[in-house]
Amino acid sequence: MKTNKIIKGVKGFDEKMMCRDFQYEEGKEYEIKETPVRCTDNGFHFCENPLEVFGYYSPGNSVYHEVEGSGEVDRCDDDSKVAVSKIKISVKIGIKQIIENGIKFIFERVKFTEESNTTGYQSGAQATGNQSGAQATGYRSMSSVNGDYSTSSVDGKESAACGLGYKNKAKASLNSWIILSERNNNNEILCIKTAKIDGNKMKADTWYILENGKFIIEK
């Protein structure tokens, strides 16, 4: 499919800015004449949802850049990974900004408060201390924690529960999202993953933790 629109996203590389044995440089533009096909060597690949880039290039030994894609585009409904025939490599982006941009991608905006429990349309709750908890209720709501052993939960369609601290857990209602990080004993990030609560692979109103790169139900 050809598009005249600019598609924005994030692309991951190894530490030398290589991907699939191709050397990239910041500020450069690249183009191919072949039709791009996802998950092959044809085309330039990146994720429209910034959070999904961690599934292809994990933190610790990767670098990330904002990119703009255009021309021929190949995409599917499974995730936001796309292959394009033209790509522009923009500025380097850090994990913190990727997470913030990823949350914005899931829903347009959230009005945060410093309260640990909030209700209402596009409400938000944030907690930062160890063993703290944040809960938000309402359509397109957001809860976020980053202290050790903390919990994050949401109850509302198209909402998101985010836990980025050590051994955090999260739960969300149907058609909402959870975002969790896995850290080692030195509190270094090993991976960050996001998942939609679809009622099949990921169950609604169920506590999840992230272990060995996989979502595990907390018993």
C-alpha atoms as a PDB file:
ATOM      1  CA  MET A   1       0.000   0.000   0.000  1.00  0.00           C
ATOM      2  CA  LYS A   2       1.364   3.409  -0.939  1.00  0.00           C
ATOM      3  CA  THR A   3       0.820   6.403   1.306  1.00  0.00           C
ATOM      4  CA  ASN A   4       1.485  10.098   0.947  1.00  0.00           C
ATOM      5  CA  LYS A   5       1.396  10.504   4.712  1.00  0.00           C
ATOM      6  CA  ILE A   6       4.417  10.530   7.005  1.00  0.00           C
ATOM      7  CA  ILE A   7       4.284   7.652   9.491  1.00  0.00           C
ATOM      8  CA  LYS A   8       6.137   8.380  12.727  1.00  0.00           C
ATOM      9  CA  GLY A   9       7.558   5.834  15.148  1.00  0.00           C
ATOM     10  CA  VAL A  10      10.647   4.451  16.859  1.00  0.00           C
ATOM     11  CA  LYS A  11      13.315   2.162  15.442  1.00  0.00           C
ATOM     12  CA  GLY A  12      15.771   0.062  17.428  1.00  0.00           C
ATOM     13  CA  PHE A  13      19.380  -0.706  16.535  1.00  0.00           C
ATOM     14  CA  ASP A  14      22.392  -2.393  18.072  1.00  0.00           C
ATOM     15  CA  GLU A  15      24.979  -0.182  19.747  1.00  0.00           C
ATOM     16  CA  LYS A  16      26.586   0.595  16.361  1.00  0.00           C
ATOM     17  CA  MET A  17      23.268   1.662  14.827  1.00  0.00           C
ATOM     18  CA  MET A  18      23.017  -1.471  12.712  1.00  0.00           C
ATOM     19  CA  CYS A  19      19.830  -3.417  11.990  1.00  0.00           C
ATOM     20  CA  ARG A  20      19.668  -6.576   9.841  1.00  0.00           C
ATOM     21  CA  ASP A  21      23.349  -6.020   8.908  1.00  0.00           C
ATOM     22  CA  PHE A  22      22.529  -2.593   7.476  1.00  0.00           C
ATOM     23  CA  GLN A  23      24.383   0.459   8.773  1.00  0.00           C
ATOM     24  CA  TYR A  24      22.240   3.497   9.581  1.00  0.00           C
ATOM     25  CA  GLU A  25      23.216   7.058  10.491  1.00  0.00           C
ATOM     26  CA  GLU A  26      21.312   9.754  12.326  1.00  0.00           C
ATOM     27  CA  GLY A  27      19.902  12.423  10.017  1.00  0.00           C
ATOM     28  CA  LYS A  28      20.128  10.257   6.900  1.00  0.00           C
ATOM     29  CA  GLU A  29      17.300   9.158   4.594  1.00  0.00           C
ATOM     30  CA  TYR A  30      17.120   5.774   2.901  1.00  0.00           C
ATOM     31  CA  GLU A  31      14.947   4.356   0.120  1.00  0.00           C
ATOM     32  CA  ILE A  32      14.474   1.063  -1.726  1.00  0.00           C
ATOM     33  CA  LYS A  33      12.718   0.341  -5.013  1.00  0.00           C
ATOM     34  CA  GLU A  34      11.416  -3.073  -3.912  1.00  0.00           C
ATOM     35  CA  THR A  35       8.057  -3.561  -2.229  1.00  0.00           C
ATOM     36  CA  PRO A  36       8.550  -3.681   1.566  1.00  0.00           C
ATOM     37  CA  VAL A  37       7.395  -6.803   3.409  1.00  0.00           C
ATOM     38  CA  ARG A  38       7.223  -7.060   7.193  1.00  0.00           C
ATOM     39  CA  CYS A  39       9.667  -9.427   8.924  1.00  0.00           C
ATOM     40  CA  THR A  40      11.815  -9.911   5.802  1.00  0.00           C
ATOM     41  CA  ASP A  41      14.905  -8.159   4.466  1.00  0.00           C
ATOM     42  CA  ASN A  42      12.696  -6.053   2.176  1.00  0.00           C
ATOM     43  CA  GLY A  43      12.006  -2.618   3.605  1.00  0.00           C
ATOM     44  CA  PHE A  44      12.862  -0.535   6.624  1.00  0.00           C
ATOM     45  CA  HIS A  45      11.127  -1.672   9.809  1.00  0.00           C
ATOM     46  CA  PHE A  46      10.020   0.266  12.881  1.00  0.00           C
ATOM     47  CA  CYS A  47       7.183   0.413  15.437  1.00  0.00           C
ATOM     48  CA  GLU A  48       4.482   3.053  15.432  1.00  0.00           C
ATOM     49  CA  ASN A  49       3.802   2.260  19.097  1.00  0.00           C
ATOM     50  CA  PRO A  50       7.117   3.211  20.756  1.00  0.00           C
ATOM     51  CA  LEU A  51       6.656   0.637  23.546  1.00  0.00           C
ATOM     52  CA  GLU A  52       6.630  -2.271  21.102  1.00  0.00           C
ATOM     53  CA  VAL A  53      10.217  -1.553  20.025  1.00  0.00           C
ATOM     54  CA  PHE A  54      11.431  -3.239  23.245  1.00  0.00           C
ATOM     55  CA  GLY A  55      10.104  -6.542  21.904  1.00  0.00           C
ATOM     56  CA  TYR A  56      12.657  -6.378  19.084  1.00  0.00           C
ATOM     57  CA  TYR A  57      15.560  -4.517  20.714  1.00  0.00           C
ATOM     58  CA  SER A  58      15.779  -4.878  24.479  1.00  0.00           C
ATOM     59  CA  PRO A  59      17.219  -2.126  26.728  1.00  0.00           C
ATOM     60  CA  GLY A  60      20.829  -2.455  27.825  1.00  0.00           C
ATOM     61  CA  ASN A  61      22.541  -3.156  24.505  1.00  0.00           C
ATOM     62  CA  SER A  62      20.352  -1.188  22.091  1.00  0.00           C
ATOM     63  CA  VAL A  63      19.850   2.385  20.922  1.00  0.00           C
ATOM     64  CA  TYR A  64      16.599   3.926  19.711  1.00  0.00           C
ATOM     65  CA  HIS A  65      15.778   6.727  17.282  1.00  0.00           C
ATOM     66  CA  GLU A  66      12.630   8.494  16.245  1.00  0.00           C
ATOM     67  CA  VAL A  67      11.942   7.871  12.569  1.00  0.00           C
ATOM     68  CA  GLU A  68       9.630   8.942   9.758  1.00  0.00           C
ATOM     69  CA  GLY A  69       8.457   6.446   7.155  1.00  0.00           C
ATOM     70  CA  SER A  70       6.719   6.947   3.814  1.00  0.00           C
ATOM     71  CA  GLY A  71       6.289   5.514   0.334  1.00  0.00           C
ATOM     72  CA  GLU A  72       5.173   1.882   0.132  1.00  0.00           C
ATOM     73  CA  VAL A  73       3.954   0.526   3.497  1.00  0.00           C
ATOM     74  CA  ASP A  74       3.289  -3.008   4.779  1.00  0.00           C
ATOM     75  CA  ARG A  75       1.449  -3.389   8.078  1.00  0.00           C
ATOM     76  CA  CYS A  76      -0.977  -5.757   9.819  1.00  0.00           C
ATOM     77  CA  ASP A  77      -3.374  -5.743  12.771  1.00  0.00           C
ATOM     78  CA  ASP A  78      -1.246  -7.905  15.110  1.00  0.00           C
ATOM     79  CA  ASP A  79       1.022  -5.091  16.261  1.00  0.00           C
ATOM     80  CA  SER A  80       2.251  -1.674  15.171  1.00  0.00           C
ATOM     81  CA  LYS A  81       5.397  -2.878  13.380  1.00  0.00           C
ATOM     82  CA  VAL A  82       5.545  -1.563   9.814  1.00  0.00           C
ATOM     83  CA  ALA A  83       7.860  -1.948   6.825  1.00  0.00           C
ATOM     84  CA  VAL A  84       8.324   1.043   4.530  1.00  0.00           C
ATOM     85  CA  SER A  85      10.228   1.823   1.342  1.00  0.00           C
ATOM     86  CA  LYS A  86      11.467   5.214   2.587  1.00  0.00           C
ATOM     87  CA  ILE A  87      12.737   6.118   6.049  1.00  0.00           C
ATOM     88  CA  LYS A  88      14.324   9.118   7.723  1.00  0.00           C
ATOM     89  CA  ILE A  89      16.393   8.540  10.867  1.00  0.00           C
ATOM     90  CA  SER A  90      15.780  11.329  13.353  1.00  0.00           C
ATOM     91  CA  VAL A  91      17.086  12.016  16.867  1.00  0.00           C
ATOM     92  CA  LYS A  92      18.150   9.445  19.442  1.00  0.00           C
ATOM     93  CA  ILE A  93      15.533   8.810  22.108  1.00  0.00           C
ATOM     94  CA  GLY A  94      15.882   7.395  25.629  1.00  0.00           C
ATOM     95  CA  ILE A  95      13.831   4.836  27.506  1.00  0.00           C
ATOM     96  CA  LYS A  96      11.992   7.448  29.561  1.00  0.00           C
ATOM     97  CA  GLN A  97      10.830   9.308  26.454  1.00  0.00           C
ATOM     98  CA  ILE A  98       9.862   6.068  24.711  1.00  0.00           C
ATOM     99  CA  ILE A  99       7.621   5.146  27.636  1.00  0.00           C
ATOM    100  CA  GLU A 100       6.037   8.592  27.716  1.00  0.00           C
ATOM    101  CA  ASN A 101       5.439   8.563  23.960  1.00  0.00           C
ATOM    102  CA  GLY A 102       4.092   5.031  24.154  1.00  0.00           C
ATOM    103  CA  ILE A 103       1.511   6.016  26.726  1.00  0.00           C
ATOM    104  CA  LYS A 104       0.461   8.921  24.510  1.00  0.00           C
ATOM    105  CA  PHE A 105       0.137   6.489  21.621  1.00  0.00           C
ATOM    106  CA  ILE A 106      -2.322   4.332  23.588  1.00  0.00           C
ATOM    107  CA  PHE A 107      -4.606   7.256  24.274  1.00  0.00           C
ATOM    108  CA  GLU A 108      -4.551  10.918  23.473  1.00  0.00           C
ATOM    109  CA  ARG A 109      -3.888  12.436  26.872  1.00  0.00           C
ATOM    110  CA  VAL A 110      -4.308  11.887  30.609  1.00  0.00           C
ATOM    111  CA  LYS A 111      -4.845  14.451  33.332  1.00  0.00           C
ATOM    112  CA  PHE A 112      -2.605  13.340  36.197  1.00  0.00           C
ATOM    113  CA  THR A 113      -3.191  14.072  39.867  1.00  0.00           C
ATOM    114  CA  GLU A 114      -1.007  13.250  42.835  1.00  0.00           C
ATOM    115  CA  GLU A 115      -3.834  11.216  44.373  1.00  0.00           C
ATOM    116  CA  SER A 116      -3.433   7.446  44.555  1.00  0.00           C
ATOM    117  CA  ASN A 117      -7.076   6.793  43.602  1.00  0.00           C
ATOM    118  CA  THR A 118      -9.049   8.765  41.017  1.00  0.00           C
ATOM    119  CA  THR A 119     -12.252   8.352  39.052  1.00  0.00           C
ATOM    120  CA  GLY A 120     -13.719   9.890  35.930  1.00  0.00           C
ATOM    121  CA  TYR A 121     -13.088  10.279  32.197  1.00  0.00           C
ATOM    122  CA  GLN A 122      -9.352  10.502  31.402  1.00  0.00           C
ATOM    123  CA  SER A 123      -8.442  10.472  35.087  1.00  0.00           C
ATOM    124  CA  GLY A 124      -4.927   9.646  36.222  1.00  0.00           C
ATOM    125  CA  ALA A 125      -3.223   8.394  39.392  1.00  0.00           C
ATOM    126  CA  GLN A 126       0.489   8.325  40.108  1.00  0.00           C
ATOM    127  CA  ALA A 127       2.486   6.958  43.056  1.00  0.00           C
ATOM    128  CA  THR A 128       6.265   7.018  43.500  1.00  0.00           C
ATOM    129  CA  GLY A 129       7.097   5.468  46.894  1.00  0.00           C
ATOM    130  CA  ASN A 130       8.082   1.869  47.619  1.00  0.00           C
ATOM    131  CA  GLN A 131       5.186  -0.541  48.203  1.00  0.00           C
ATOM    132  CA  SER A 132       2.764   2.117  46.989  1.00  0.00           C
ATOM    133  CA  GLY A 133      -0.341   1.661  44.896  1.00  0.00           C
ATOM    134  CA  ALA A 134      -2.179   3.667  42.253  1.00  0.00           C
ATOM    135  CA  GLN A 135      -5.675   3.059  40.935  1.00  0.00           C
ATOM    136  CA  ALA A 136      -7.698   4.936  38.316  1.00  0.00           C
ATOM    137  CA  THR A 137     -11.270   4.347  37.186  1.00  0.00           C
ATOM    138  CA  GLY A 138     -12.945   5.652  34.050  1.00  0.00           C
ATOM    139  CA  TYR A 139     -12.681   5.675  30.259  1.00  0.00           C
ATOM    140  CA  ARG A 140      -9.126   6.363  29.044  1.00  0.00           C
ATOM    141  CA  SER A 141      -7.704   6.546  32.540  1.00  0.00           C
ATOM    142  CA  MET A 142      -4.108   5.981  33.589  1.00  0.00           C
ATOM    143  CA  SER A 143      -2.326   4.748  36.708  1.00  0.00           C
ATOM    144  CA  SER A 144       1.433   4.735  37.098  1.00  0.00           C
ATOM    145  CA  VAL A 145       3.883   3.545  39.782  1.00  0.00           C
ATOM    146  CA  ASN A 146       7.661   3.266  39.895  1.00  0.00           C
ATOM    147  CA  GLY A 147       8.516   2.373  43.495  1.00  0.00           C
ATOM    148  CA  ASP A 148       9.705  -1.108  44.495  1.00  0.00           C
ATOM    149  CA  TYR A 149       6.962  -3.738  45.067  1.00  0.00           C
ATOM    150  CA  SER A 150       4.239  -1.314  43.963  1.00  0.00           C
ATOM    151  CA  THR A 151       0.915  -1.974  42.229  1.00  0.00           C
ATOM    152  CA  SER A 152      -0.932  -0.242  39.414  1.00  0.00           C
ATOM    153  CA  SER A 153      -4.517  -0.891  38.306  1.00  0.00           C
ATOM    154  CA  VAL A 154      -7.176   0.626  36.049  1.00  0.00           C
ATOM    155  CA  ASP A 155     -10.865  -0.041  35.562  1.00  0.00           C
ATOM    156  CA  GLY A 156     -12.153   1.520  32.357  1.00  0.00           C
ATOM    157  CA  LYS A 157     -12.050   0.928  28.610  1.00  0.00           C
ATOM    158  CA  GLU A 158      -8.930   2.039  26.719  1.00  0.00           C
ATOM    159  CA  SER A 159      -7.046   2.735  29.939  1.00  0.00           C
ATOM    160  CA  ALA A 160      -3.500   1.819  30.930  1.00  0.00           C
ATOM    161  CA  ALA A 161      -1.810   0.533  34.099  1.00  0.00           C
ATOM    162  CA  CYS A 162       1.925   1.146  34.195  1.00  0.00           C
ATOM    163  CA  GLY A 163       4.478  -0.256  36.662  1.00  0.00           C
ATOM    164  CA  LEU A 164       8.147   0.551  36.023  1.00  0.00           C
ATOM    165  CA  GLY A 165       9.714  -0.220  39.396  1.00  0.00           C
ATOM    166  CA  TYR A 166      11.298  -3.362  40.870  1.00  0.00           C
ATOM    167  CA  LYS A 167       8.826  -6.267  41.051  1.00  0.00           C
ATOM    168  CA  ASN A 168       5.815  -4.111  40.209  1.00  0.00           C
ATOM    169  CA  LYS A 169       2.503  -5.685  39.274  1.00  0.00           C
ATOM    170  CA  ALA A 170      -0.422  -4.390  37.240  1.00  0.00           C
ATOM    171  CA  LYS A 171      -3.967  -5.265  36.309  1.00  0.00           C
ATOM    172  CA  ALA A 172      -6.490  -3.738  33.924  1.00  0.00           C
ATOM    173  CA  SER A 173     -10.021  -4.170  32.638  1.00  0.00           C
ATOM    174  CA  LEU A 174     -10.971  -5.595  29.244  1.00  0.00           C
ATOM    175  CA  ASN A 175      -9.672  -3.658  26.210  1.00  0.00           C
ATOM    176  CA  SER A 176      -7.163  -1.786  28.338  1.00  0.00           C
ATOM    177  CA  TRP A 177      -3.379  -2.107  28.571  1.00  0.00           C
ATOM    178  CA  ILE A 178      -0.667  -3.004  31.057  1.00  0.00           C
ATOM    179  CA  ILE A 179       2.939  -1.837  30.869  1.00  0.00           C
ATOM    180  CA  LEU A 180       5.576  -3.457  33.088  1.00  0.00           C
ATOM    181  CA  SER A 181       9.340  -3.422  33.417  1.00  0.00           C
ATOM    182  CA  GLU A 182      11.537  -6.256  34.624  1.00  0.00           C
ATOM    183  CA  ARG A 183      14.564  -5.279  36.695  1.00  0.00           C
ATOM    184  CA  ASN A 184      17.482  -7.218  38.153  1.00  0.00           C
ATOM    185  CA  ASN A 185      18.661  -7.079  41.783  1.00  0.00           C
ATOM    186  CA  ASN A 186      20.671  -3.944  40.960  1.00  0.00           C
ATOM    187  CA  ASN A 187      17.438  -2.277  39.787  1.00  0.00           C
ATOM    188  CA  GLU A 188      18.670  -2.177  36.191  1.00  0.00           C
ATOM    189  CA  ILE A 189      16.002  -2.525  33.504  1.00  0.00           C
ATOM    190  CA  LEU A 190      16.163  -5.863  31.695  1.00  0.00           C
ATOM    191  CA  CYS A 191      13.096  -5.402  29.507  1.00  0.00           C
ATOM    192  CA  ILE A 192       9.859  -3.471  29.188  1.00  0.00           C
ATOM    193  CA  LYS A 193       6.711  -4.976  27.733  1.00  0.00           C
ATOM    194  CA  THR A 194       3.191  -3.892  26.991  1.00  0.00           C
ATOM    195  CA  ALA A 195       0.083  -5.996  26.383  1.00  0.00           C
ATOM    196  CA  LYS A 196      -3.558  -5.420  25.615  1.00  0.00           C
ATOM    197  CA  ILE A 197      -6.071  -7.141  27.872  1.00  0.00           C
ATOM    198  CA  ASP A 198      -8.020  -9.108  25.264  1.00  0.00           C
ATOM    199  CA  GLY A 199      -9.787 -11.577  27.567  1.00  0.00           C
ATOM    200  CA  ASN A 200      -8.044 -14.548  25.924  1.00  0.00           C
ATOM    201  CA  LYS A 201      -4.260 -14.476  26.157  1.00  0.00           C
ATOM    202  CA  MET A 202      -4.386 -11.697  28.732  1.00  0.00           C
ATOM    203  CA  LYS A 203      -7.152 -11.865  31.335  1.00  0.00           C
ATOM    204  CA  ALA A 204      -9.089  -8.891  32.644  1.00  0.00           C
ATOM    205  CA  ASP A 205      -8.904  -7.778  36.294  1.00  0.00           C
ATOM    206  CA  THR A 206      -5.947 -10.108  36.929  1.00  0.00           C
ATOM    207  CA  TRP A 207      -2.638  -9.156  38.515  1.00  0.00           C
ATOM    208  CA  TYR A 208       0.388  -9.658  36.260  1.00  0.00           C
ATOM    209  CA  ILE A 209       4.111  -9.440  36.855  1.00  0.00           C
ATOM    210  CA  LEU A 210       6.947  -9.595  34.325  1.00  0.00           C
ATOM    211  CA  GLU A 211       9.381 -12.511  34.718  1.00  0.00           C
ATOM    212  CA  ASN A 212      11.990 -13.675  32.198  1.00  0.00           C
ATOM    213  CA  GLY A 213      10.447 -11.394  29.630  1.00  0.00           C
ATOM    214  CA  LYS A 214       6.952 -12.880  29.960  1.00  0.00           C
ATOM    215  CA  PHE A 215       3.733 -11.782  31.627  1.00  0.00           C
ATOM    216  CA  ILE A 216       2.972 -14.114  34.529  1.00  0.00           C
ATOM    217  CA  ILE A 217      -0.223 -14.178  36.588  1.00  0.00           C
ATOM    218  CA  GLU A 218       0.552 -13.194  40.181  1.00  0.00           C
ATOM    219  CA  LYS A 219      -0.820 -15.883  42.499  1.00  0.00           C
END
